[in-house]
Amino acid sequence: MQALDRLLELVCRELGASRAWVEYGSTPPADGLSAPVRDGWRLCAAVDDVSEEASRQLEDLAASFDRVLLEAVDVAPTPATPPEASAALRHTLDVLVERVGAHAAWVIDERSPIVWGASKDGAWLTDVDQARTVGATLGEHPPSRVVGWTEGQQLPAPPSELVPHLPLIAETAQHVPAERLLVTWAAVAHASAQATPWSWDRDPLHVMVRPFAAIYRVVVLFEGEFSPLHAETTLTRALPVIERMVADHPPVDPTPKGARVHAFVRPDR
C-alpha cells in the first residue's frame, strides 16, 4: 500500500486537495472530483477547484498510475454487482457527453439487442435490434420526409421495406423527438455493420461512432455546434476506460443502487 499512499500524496499536492482517496460505489462524491479506475472504483479528491482542467488533471493521474490503482483494488474487498458496474459506465458516459458537448452516448455491440451502457439522456434507447432493423431501412431519407410518411402526407411513396415500420416510428416519435430518434436508429444500424471509425452529419445533428474490442461501438450524438477535434481527442482517451468497464461486466439493468464506499481513505492534510 506504500505506492498507493504516495500516489494519494501526489494527488493532494498536484491538485491542492485537502484529501485524496480511492472508493467503490455507484454514486460519485458530490463534494469533489473523481476519475474512474475499474469495476466501479474511483480515484477521488476533495478540492475547492472543481474546474474541467482540475478534473482532467485527476484523470491523467489515474491513467498514469493505473497499475498502482489496479493493484490496490485487486486486493480490496470488492462487492461488485452488475447494477453498480452499470452505474459506473453510465457515469463515465455522462462525463464524456458533458466534456465533448454531446447530447447522448451509448455503448452497443455489433450483434446483440442489448444496450451495454447509456448516458442519462440516452436512456430511451433500450432495444438495439429494433433500432438496427428500422434504421437499416431509412437509407438517406431525411427525417422530415419519414415523418411525413408516418402522417400520410402526399409524398412520393416510401420504400417498401420501410412501410411496415412506419407505425412503430410514429408511436415512438411521440416520446422521442423524431429527428433524434431516426438519426440514432440509422446510426445504430450503420455502426453495427461497420467496424471502423465513422462520422455522419445530419445537420443540425451529428454522430460519431468509434469501435473498440472488435465487436463494441461507442455511439455519440451531437445536437448542436461542437469541436470535432476536441471530441475526437476526448473520445480516444475515454475508450480504454469504457473498454475495461464493458469487458469486466455483463450488460444489466442500469438502475443504480446506493453507494458503498471501501477503504483506502487518506486522512485530511
Protein backbone atom coordinates (compact mmCIF):
# COMPACT_ATOMS: atom_id res chain seq x y z
CA MET A 1 0.00 0.00 0.00
CA GLN A 2 3.03 2.33 0.16
CA ALA A 3 2.78 3.04 -3.57
CA LEU A 4 -0.89 3.94 -3.22
CA ASP A 5 -0.15 6.18 -0.27
CA ARG A 6 2.49 8.02 -2.30
CA LEU A 7 0.02 8.42 -5.16
CA LEU A 8 -2.59 9.92 -2.83
CA GLU A 9 0.03 12.35 -1.54
CA LEU A 10 0.84 13.29 -5.13
CA VAL A 11 -2.84 13.91 -5.91
CA CYS A 12 -3.14 16.19 -2.87
CA ARG A 13 -0.02 18.08 -3.85
CA GLU A 14 -0.78 18.48 -7.55
CA LEU A 15 -4.43 19.45 -7.14
CA GLY A 16 -4.13 21.28 -3.83
CA ALA A 17 -6.59 18.75 -2.40
CA SER A 18 -7.33 18.50 1.30
CA ARG A 19 -7.96 14.79 0.92
CA ALA A 20 -7.49 12.05 -1.67
CA TRP A 21 -8.85 8.52 -1.60
CA VAL A 22 -9.92 5.50 -3.63
CA GLU A 23 -13.52 4.43 -3.18
CA TYR A 24 -16.04 1.97 -4.52
CA GLY A 25 -19.68 2.87 -5.11
CA SER A 26 -22.35 3.72 -7.64
CA THR A 27 -22.56 7.46 -6.87
CA PRO A 28 -19.56 9.77 -7.35
CA PRO A 29 -18.78 12.17 -4.49
CA ALA A 30 -20.75 15.41 -4.65
CA ASP A 31 -18.09 17.48 -2.89
CA GLY A 32 -15.05 16.83 -5.07
CA LEU A 33 -13.60 15.29 -8.20
CA SER A 34 -13.39 11.66 -9.26
CA ALA A 35 -11.78 9.65 -12.06
CA PRO A 36 -12.91 6.09 -12.92
CA VAL A 37 -10.41 3.28 -12.31
CA ARG A 38 -12.20 -0.06 -12.85
CA ASP A 39 -15.22 -2.07 -11.73
CA GLY A 40 -16.88 0.91 -10.06
CA TRP A 41 -13.71 2.06 -8.26
CA ARG A 42 -12.76 5.74 -8.42
CA LEU A 43 -9.81 7.92 -7.54
CA CYS A 44 -11.25 10.91 -5.66
CA ALA A 45 -10.00 14.25 -4.40
CA ALA A 46 -11.59 16.89 -2.18
CA VAL A 47 -10.72 20.21 -3.84
CA ASP A 48 -12.02 23.75 -3.93
CA ASP A 49 -11.30 23.96 -7.66
CA VAL A 50 -13.74 21.68 -9.48
CA SER A 51 -12.89 23.06 -12.91
CA GLU A 52 -12.65 20.96 -16.06
CA GLU A 53 -8.87 21.39 -16.02
CA ALA A 54 -8.61 20.01 -12.48
CA SER A 55 -10.84 17.09 -13.46
CA ARG A 56 -8.65 16.32 -16.46
CA GLN A 57 -5.56 16.50 -14.27
CA LEU A 58 -7.05 13.91 -11.89
CA GLU A 59 -7.95 11.66 -14.84
CA ASP A 60 -4.40 11.98 -16.16
CA LEU A 61 -3.01 10.95 -12.77
CA ALA A 62 -5.39 7.98 -12.63
CA ALA A 63 -4.30 6.91 -16.12
CA SER A 64 -0.59 7.43 -15.43
CA PHE A 65 -0.67 5.40 -12.21
CA ASP A 66 -3.29 2.88 -13.27
CA ARG A 67 -1.06 -0.05 -12.29
CA VAL A 68 -0.79 1.22 -8.72
CA LEU A 69 -4.55 1.71 -8.54
CA LEU A 70 -5.38 -1.63 -10.14
CA GLU A 71 -3.07 -3.49 -7.76
CA ALA A 72 -4.75 -1.72 -4.86
CA VAL A 73 -8.30 -2.55 -5.89
CA ASP A 74 -7.34 -6.12 -6.73
CA VAL A 75 -6.56 -6.78 -3.07
CA ALA A 76 -9.54 -4.83 -1.75
CA PRO A 77 -12.85 -6.47 -0.89
CA THR A 78 -14.88 -5.52 -3.97
CA PRO A 79 -18.56 -6.41 -3.71
CA ALA A 80 -19.06 -5.64 -7.38
CA THR A 81 -22.58 -6.24 -8.59
CA PRO A 82 -23.99 -5.71 -12.09
CA PRO A 83 -26.11 -2.65 -11.19
CA GLU A 84 -23.09 -0.90 -9.67
CA ALA A 85 -20.90 -1.71 -12.66
CA SER A 86 -23.56 -0.37 -14.99
CA ALA A 87 -23.89 2.79 -12.92
CA ALA A 88 -20.14 3.37 -13.23
CA LEU A 89 -20.32 3.02 -17.02
CA ARG A 90 -23.30 5.35 -17.16
CA HIS A 91 -21.40 7.92 -15.11
CA THR A 92 -18.43 7.65 -17.47
CA LEU A 93 -20.70 8.20 -20.49
CA ASP A 94 -22.34 11.16 -18.74
CA VAL A 95 -18.91 12.70 -18.20
CA LEU A 96 -17.95 12.02 -21.82
CA VAL A 97 -21.14 13.69 -23.09
CA GLU A 98 -20.51 16.74 -20.92
CA ARG A 99 -16.86 17.03 -21.97
CA VAL A 100 -17.49 16.88 -25.71
CA GLY A 101 -20.72 18.89 -25.75
CA ALA A 102 -22.86 16.00 -26.98
CA HIS A 103 -26.48 15.17 -26.28
CA ALA A 104 -26.14 11.43 -25.55
CA ALA A 105 -23.83 8.44 -25.84
CA TRP A 106 -24.33 4.68 -25.94
CA VAL A 107 -22.24 1.53 -25.91
CA ILE A 108 -23.60 -1.26 -28.11
CA ASP A 109 -22.16 -4.29 -29.85
CA GLU A 110 -22.49 -5.39 -33.43
CA ARG A 111 -24.98 -8.24 -32.91
CA SER A 112 -26.97 -8.30 -29.69
CA PRO A 113 -30.15 -6.32 -28.87
CA ILE A 114 -28.57 -5.02 -25.66
CA VAL A 115 -27.50 -1.51 -24.73
CA TRP A 116 -24.37 -2.06 -22.64
CA GLY A 117 -24.41 1.49 -21.36
CA ALA A 118 -26.17 4.80 -21.97
CA SER A 119 -25.76 8.34 -20.75
CA LYS A 120 -28.65 9.91 -18.86
CA ASP A 121 -30.30 11.47 -21.92
CA GLY A 122 -29.85 8.28 -23.93
CA ALA A 123 -31.87 6.06 -21.61
CA TRP A 124 -34.75 5.97 -24.10
CA LEU A 125 -32.79 3.60 -26.39
CA THR A 126 -33.42 0.15 -24.92
CA ASP A 127 -33.74 -2.23 -27.90
CA VAL A 128 -30.80 -2.23 -30.29
CA ASP A 129 -32.30 -4.93 -32.51
CA GLN A 130 -35.31 -2.72 -33.10
CA ALA A 131 -33.10 0.28 -33.85
CA ARG A 132 -30.93 -1.85 -36.13
CA THR A 133 -33.89 -3.26 -38.07
CA VAL A 134 -35.70 0.04 -38.62
CA GLY A 135 -32.51 2.04 -39.09
CA ALA A 136 -31.36 -0.21 -41.91
CA THR A 137 -34.49 0.72 -43.91
CA LEU A 138 -34.13 4.50 -43.52
CA GLY A 139 -31.34 4.94 -46.05
CA GLU A 140 -30.57 8.59 -46.76
CA HIS A 141 -34.16 9.76 -46.45
CA PRO A 142 -34.30 12.94 -44.34
CA PRO A 143 -36.20 12.61 -41.05
CA SER A 144 -38.76 15.21 -42.18
CA ARG A 145 -39.76 13.01 -45.10
CA VAL A 146 -40.02 9.91 -42.93
CA VAL A 147 -42.25 11.84 -40.51
CA GLY A 148 -44.36 12.94 -43.48
CA TRP A 149 -44.85 9.31 -44.46
CA THR A 150 -45.98 8.43 -40.94
CA GLU A 151 -48.52 11.26 -41.12
CA GLY A 152 -49.86 10.22 -44.51
CA GLN A 153 -48.69 13.35 -46.32
CA GLN A 154 -48.85 13.49 -50.11
CA LEU A 155 -45.25 12.50 -50.87
CA PRO A 156 -43.51 10.05 -53.18
CA ALA A 157 -44.14 6.53 -51.91
CA PRO A 158 -41.82 5.28 -49.15
CA PRO A 159 -39.54 2.30 -49.78
CA SER A 160 -41.45 -0.94 -49.42
CA GLU A 161 -39.07 -2.22 -46.71
CA LEU A 162 -39.77 0.88 -44.60
CA VAL A 163 -43.57 0.75 -44.79
CA PRO A 164 -44.08 -1.95 -42.09
CA HIS A 165 -42.09 0.16 -39.62
CA LEU A 166 -43.97 3.45 -40.06
CA PRO A 167 -46.49 2.75 -37.23
CA LEU A 168 -43.64 1.99 -34.81
CA ILE A 169 -41.82 5.17 -35.84
CA ALA A 170 -44.97 7.22 -35.34
CA GLU A 171 -45.59 5.71 -31.91
CA THR A 172 -42.00 6.11 -30.69
CA ALA A 173 -41.79 9.67 -32.01
CA GLN A 174 -44.50 10.63 -29.51
CA HIS A 175 -41.90 10.14 -26.76
CA VAL A 176 -38.61 10.96 -28.52
CA PRO A 177 -38.15 13.85 -30.99
CA ALA A 178 -38.46 12.31 -34.45
CA GLU A 179 -35.19 13.68 -35.80
CA ARG A 180 -33.25 12.40 -32.80
CA LEU A 181 -34.99 9.04 -32.99
CA LEU A 182 -34.41 8.45 -36.69
CA VAL A 183 -30.82 9.66 -36.80
CA THR A 184 -29.95 7.49 -33.79
CA TRP A 185 -31.62 4.40 -35.24
CA ALA A 186 -29.88 4.89 -38.59
CA ALA A 187 -26.55 5.40 -36.82
CA VAL A 188 -27.00 2.23 -34.76
CA ALA A 189 -27.72 0.23 -37.91
CA HIS A 190 -24.65 1.59 -39.66
CA ALA A 191 -22.42 1.20 -36.59
CA SER A 192 -23.45 -2.44 -36.22
CA ALA A 193 -22.39 -3.18 -39.77
CA GLN A 194 -19.11 -1.25 -39.81
CA ALA A 195 -16.10 -1.96 -37.60
CA THR A 196 -14.17 1.21 -38.45
CA PRO A 197 -14.44 4.76 -37.05
CA TRP A 198 -17.34 6.58 -38.66
CA SER A 199 -18.94 10.02 -38.53
CA TRP A 200 -22.21 11.21 -40.03
CA ASP A 201 -23.71 14.68 -40.48
CA ARG A 202 -27.45 15.16 -40.43
CA ASP A 203 -27.46 18.90 -39.84
CA PRO A 204 -28.02 20.02 -37.13
CA LEU A 205 -27.33 16.53 -35.75
CA HIS A 206 -24.00 14.76 -35.95
CA VAL A 207 -22.97 11.24 -34.98
CA MET A 208 -19.55 9.85 -34.09
CA VAL A 209 -19.03 6.09 -33.86
CA ARG A 210 -15.84 4.55 -32.56
CA PRO A 211 -15.27 0.77 -32.34
CA PHE A 212 -13.32 -0.98 -29.60
CA ALA A 213 -12.50 -4.56 -28.57
CA ALA A 214 -13.53 -5.88 -32.01
CA ILE A 215 -17.30 -6.06 -31.52
CA TYR A 216 -18.23 -3.00 -29.44
CA ARG A 217 -19.16 0.53 -30.54
CA VAL A 218 -19.42 3.86 -28.76
CA VAL A 219 -22.09 5.98 -30.45
CA VAL A 220 -22.11 9.70 -29.61
CA LEU A 221 -24.93 12.00 -30.73
CA PHE A 222 -24.45 15.77 -31.04
CA GLU A 223 -27.37 18.17 -31.45
CA GLY A 224 -25.57 21.45 -31.95
CA GLU A 225 -22.20 23.02 -32.58
CA PHE A 226 -19.17 21.19 -31.22
CA SER A 227 -15.43 20.85 -31.81
CA PRO A 228 -14.72 17.66 -33.80
CA LEU A 229 -11.04 17.76 -32.81
CA HIS A 230 -11.80 18.11 -29.11
CA ALA A 231 -14.47 15.42 -29.33
CA GLU A 232 -12.12 13.02 -31.12
CA THR A 233 -9.32 13.58 -28.59
CA THR A 234 -11.61 13.18 -25.59
CA LEU A 235 -13.31 10.09 -27.00
CA THR A 236 -9.95 8.47 -27.78
CA ARG A 237 -8.85 8.99 -24.17
CA ALA A 238 -12.12 7.61 -22.82
CA LEU A 239 -12.16 4.40 -24.89
CA PRO A 240 -9.70 2.39 -22.73
CA VAL A 241 -11.75 3.20 -19.60
CA ILE A 242 -15.01 2.25 -21.31
CA GLU A 243 -13.46 -0.94 -22.66
CA ARG A 244 -12.38 -2.08 -19.19
CA MET A 245 -15.84 -1.45 -17.79
CA VAL A 246 -17.60 -3.34 -20.59
CA ALA A 247 -15.16 -6.24 -20.66
CA ASP A 248 -15.43 -6.91 -16.93
CA HIS A 249 -19.20 -6.97 -16.61
CA PRO A 250 -22.29 -8.29 -18.38
CA PRO A 251 -24.95 -5.86 -19.64
CA VAL A 252 -27.50 -5.18 -16.94
CA ASP A 253 -30.40 -3.00 -15.91
CA PRO A 254 -28.81 0.43 -15.40
CA THR A 255 -30.86 1.34 -12.33
CA PRO A 256 -28.23 2.26 -9.69
CA LYS A 257 -28.18 1.18 -6.08
CA GLY A 258 -26.91 3.19 -3.15
CA ALA A 259 -23.18 3.76 -2.98
CA ARG A 260 -20.89 1.53 -0.96
CA VAL A 261 -17.51 3.03 -0.14
CA HIS A 262 -14.48 0.96 0.77
CA ALA A 263 -11.12 1.67 2.35
CA PHE A 264 -8.02 3.45 1.09
CA VAL A 265 -9.06 6.78 2.59
CA ARG A 266 -6.24 9.23 3.22
CA PRO A 267 -6.74 11.47 6.26
CA ASP A 268 -7.22 15.20 5.70
CA ARG A 269 -3.96 17.00 5.23
